[in-house]
C-alpha atoms as a PDB file:
ATOM      1  CA  MET A   1    -193.754-169.886 -96.571  1.00  0.00           C
ATOM      2  CA  LYS A   2    -194.470-172.605 -99.085  1.00  0.00           C
ATOM      3  CA  LYS A   3    -197.556-174.770 -98.885  1.00  0.00           C
ATOM      4  CA  GLU A   4    -195.346-177.854 -98.510  1.00  0.00           C
ATOM      5  CA  ASP A   5    -193.597-176.305 -95.504  1.00  0.00           C
ATOM      6  CA  LYS A   6    -196.939-175.568 -93.844  1.00  0.00           C
ATOM      7  CA  PHE A   7    -197.965-179.189 -94.387  1.00  0.00           C
ATOM      8  CA  GLU A   8    -194.715-180.418 -92.810  1.00  0.00           C
ATOM      9  CA  ILE A   9    -195.240-178.188 -89.758  1.00  0.00           C
ATOM     10  CA  ALA A  10    -198.863-179.275 -89.358  1.00  0.00           C
ATOM     11  CA  TYR A  11    -197.877-182.930 -89.695  1.00  0.00           C
ATOM     12  CA  ALA A  12    -195.125-182.557 -87.096  1.00  0.00           C
ATOM     13  CA  MET A  13    -197.509-180.840 -84.690  1.00  0.00           C
ATOM     14  CA  SER A  14    -200.108-183.593 -85.132  1.00  0.00           C
ATOM     15  CA  LEU A  15    -197.459-186.243 -84.508  1.00  0.00           C
ATOM     16  CA  ILE A  16    -196.313-184.511 -81.322  1.00  0.00           C
ATOM     17  CA  THR A  17    -199.924-184.278 -80.176  1.00  0.00           C
ATOM     18  CA  ARG A  18    -200.514-187.981 -80.871  1.00  0.00           C
ATOM     19  CA  ILE A  19    -197.372-188.911 -78.963  1.00  0.00           C
ATOM     20  CA  GLY A  20    -198.381-186.757 -75.996  1.00  0.00           C
ATOM     21  CA  ILE A  21    -201.902-188.125 -75.829  1.00  0.00           C
ATOM     22  CA  THR A  22    -200.702-191.712 -76.231  1.00  0.00           C
ATOM     23  CA  VAL A  23    -198.106-191.422 -73.466  1.00  0.00           C
ATOM     24  CA  SER A  24    -200.578-189.646 -71.175  1.00  0.00           C
ATOM     25  CA  VAL A  25    -203.322-192.233 -71.613  1.00  0.00           C
ATOM     26  CA  ILE A  26    -200.943-195.146 -71.113  1.00  0.00           C
ATOM     27  CA  THR A  27    -199.363-193.569 -68.025  1.00  0.00           C
ATOM     28  CA  VAL A  28    -202.607-192.548 -66.337  1.00  0.00           C
ATOM     29  CA  SER A  29    -204.317-195.869 -67.021  1.00  0.00           C
ATOM     30  CA  SER A  30    -201.349-198.013 -65.925  1.00  0.00           C
ATOM     31  CA  ILE A  31    -200.711-196.092 -62.732  1.00  0.00           C
ATOM     32  CA  GLY A  32    -204.457-195.858 -62.086  1.00  0.00           C
ATOM     33  CA  LEU A  33    -204.865-199.607 -62.388  1.00  0.00           C
ATOM     34  CA  GLY A  34    -201.850-200.062 -60.121  1.00  0.00           C
ATOM     35  CA  TYR A  35    -203.362-197.747 -57.540  1.00  0.00           C
ATOM     36  CA  TRP A  36    -206.687-199.571 -57.742  1.00  0.00           C
ATOM     37  CA  ALA A  37    -204.943-202.936 -57.250  1.00  0.00           C
ATOM     38  CA  ASP A  38    -202.965-201.540 -54.295  1.00  0.00           C
ATOM     39  CA  GLU A  39    -206.137-200.238 -52.674  1.00  0.00           C
ATOM     40  CA  ARG A  40    -207.851-203.579 -53.219  1.00  0.00           C
ATOM     41  CA  PHE A  41    -205.008-205.735 -51.870  1.00  0.00           C
ATOM     42  CA  GLY A  42    -203.535-203.288 -49.340  1.00  0.00           C
ATOM     43  CA  THR A  43    -200.077-203.131 -50.909  1.00  0.00           C
ATOM     44  CA  LEU A  44    -199.928-199.422 -51.688  1.00  0.00           C
ATOM     45  CA  PRO A  45    -196.576-198.811 -53.384  1.00  0.00           C
ATOM     46  CA  VAL A  46    -196.123-202.174 -55.109  1.00  0.00           C
ATOM     47  CA  PHE A  47    -198.640-202.093 -57.973  1.00  0.00           C
ATOM     48  CA  VAL A  48    -198.226-198.352 -58.523  1.00  0.00           C
ATOM     49  CA  ILE A  49    -194.501-198.908 -59.115  1.00  0.00           C
ATOM     50  CA  ILE A  50    -195.226-201.877 -61.383  1.00  0.00           C
ATOM     51  CA  GLY A  51    -197.758-199.727 -63.255  1.00  0.00           C
ATOM     52  CA  ALA A  52    -195.218-196.928 -63.668  1.00  0.00           C
ATOM     53  CA  VAL A  53    -192.583-199.305 -65.039  1.00  0.00           C
ATOM     54  CA  LEU A  54    -195.080-200.895 -67.414  1.00  0.00           C
ATOM     55  CA  ALA A  55    -196.317-197.448 -68.452  1.00  0.00           C
ATOM     56  CA  PHE A  56    -192.772-196.440 -69.355  1.00  0.00           C
ATOM     57  CA  ALA A  57    -192.202-199.618 -71.376  1.00  0.00           C
ATOM     58  CA  PHE A  58    -195.540-199.437 -73.193  1.00  0.00           C
ATOM     59  CA  SER A  59    -195.113-195.711 -73.852  1.00  0.00           C
ATOM     60  CA  MET A  60    -191.690-196.211 -75.426  1.00  0.00           C
ATOM     61  CA  TYR A  61    -193.076-198.986 -77.622  1.00  0.00           C
ATOM     62  CA  ALA A  62    -196.029-196.826 -78.661  1.00  0.00           C
ATOM     63  CA  VAL A  63    -193.754-193.899 -79.545  1.00  0.00           C
ATOM     64  CA  TYR A  64    -191.534-196.275 -81.507  1.00  0.00           C
ATOM     65  CA  ARG A  65    -194.562-197.502 -83.458  1.00  0.00           C
ATOM     66  CA  LEU A  66    -195.683-193.941 -84.186  1.00  0.00           C
ATOM     67  CA  VAL A  67    -192.271-192.694 -85.326  1.00  0.00           C
ATOM     68  CA  LEU A  68    -191.072-195.779 -87.230  1.00  0.00           C
ATOM     69  CA  PRO A  69    -192.999-195.100 -90.482  1.00  0.00           C
ATOM     70  CA  ILE A  70    -191.646-191.554 -90.587  1.00  0.00           C
ATOM     71  CA  ALA A  71    -188.096-192.731 -89.963  1.00  0.00           C
ATOM     72  CA  LYS A  72    -188.401-195.300 -92.742  1.00  0.00           C
ATOM     73  CA  GLU A  73    -189.761-192.662 -95.110  1.00  0.00           C
ATOM     74  CA  LYS A  74    -186.945-190.241 -94.314  1.00  0.00           C
ATOM     75  CA  ASN A  75    -184.362-192.999 -94.745  1.00  0.00           C
ATOM     76  CA  GLU A  76    -185.728-193.823 -98.202  1.00  0.00           C
ATOM     77  CA  VAL A  77    -185.557-190.166 -99.209  1.00  0.00           C
ATOM     78  CA  ILE A  78    -181.975-189.894 -97.968  1.00  0.00           C
ATOM     79  CA  SER A  79    -181.023-193.120 -99.769  1.00  0.00           C
ATOM     80  CA  ALA A  80    -182.575-191.873-103.004  1.00  0.00           C
ATOM     81  CA  ASP A  81    -180.630-188.602-102.766  1.00  0.00           C
ATOM     82  CA  LYS A  82    -177.219-190.258-102.364  1.00  0.00           C
ATOM     83  CA  THR A  83    -175.016-190.619-105.404  1.00  0.00           C
ATOM     84  CA  LEU A  84    -172.076-192.908-105.812  1.00  0.00           C
ATOM     85  CA  ASP A  85    -168.749-191.321-106.705  1.00  0.00           C
ATOM     86  CA  LEU A  86    -166.686-193.974-108.458  1.00  0.00           C
END
C-alpha cells in the first residue's frame, strides 16, 4: 500500500470520527436541554421533540460544513482531469 493511500484512509477515518462526535454532541445536548425544559415547565414530550428536530437540522448543517471542503476539492480534481474532445 502506498503512503498516499494510507494518508487517504487515515483522513477518511478522522472525518468519520469528527462527523460522529459532532452529531452525538449536538443530539445529546439538544435533547438534554429539551428534557430539562420539559422537567422545568411540566411539558414532558414537547421540548424533547423540539430538541430532536433541532438536533437533526443542526447535525445535517454541521455535516454539510464538514464535508463541503472535501467535495469542492474533489470537484476541482475532477474538473482538472476532464479534457475537451472537439
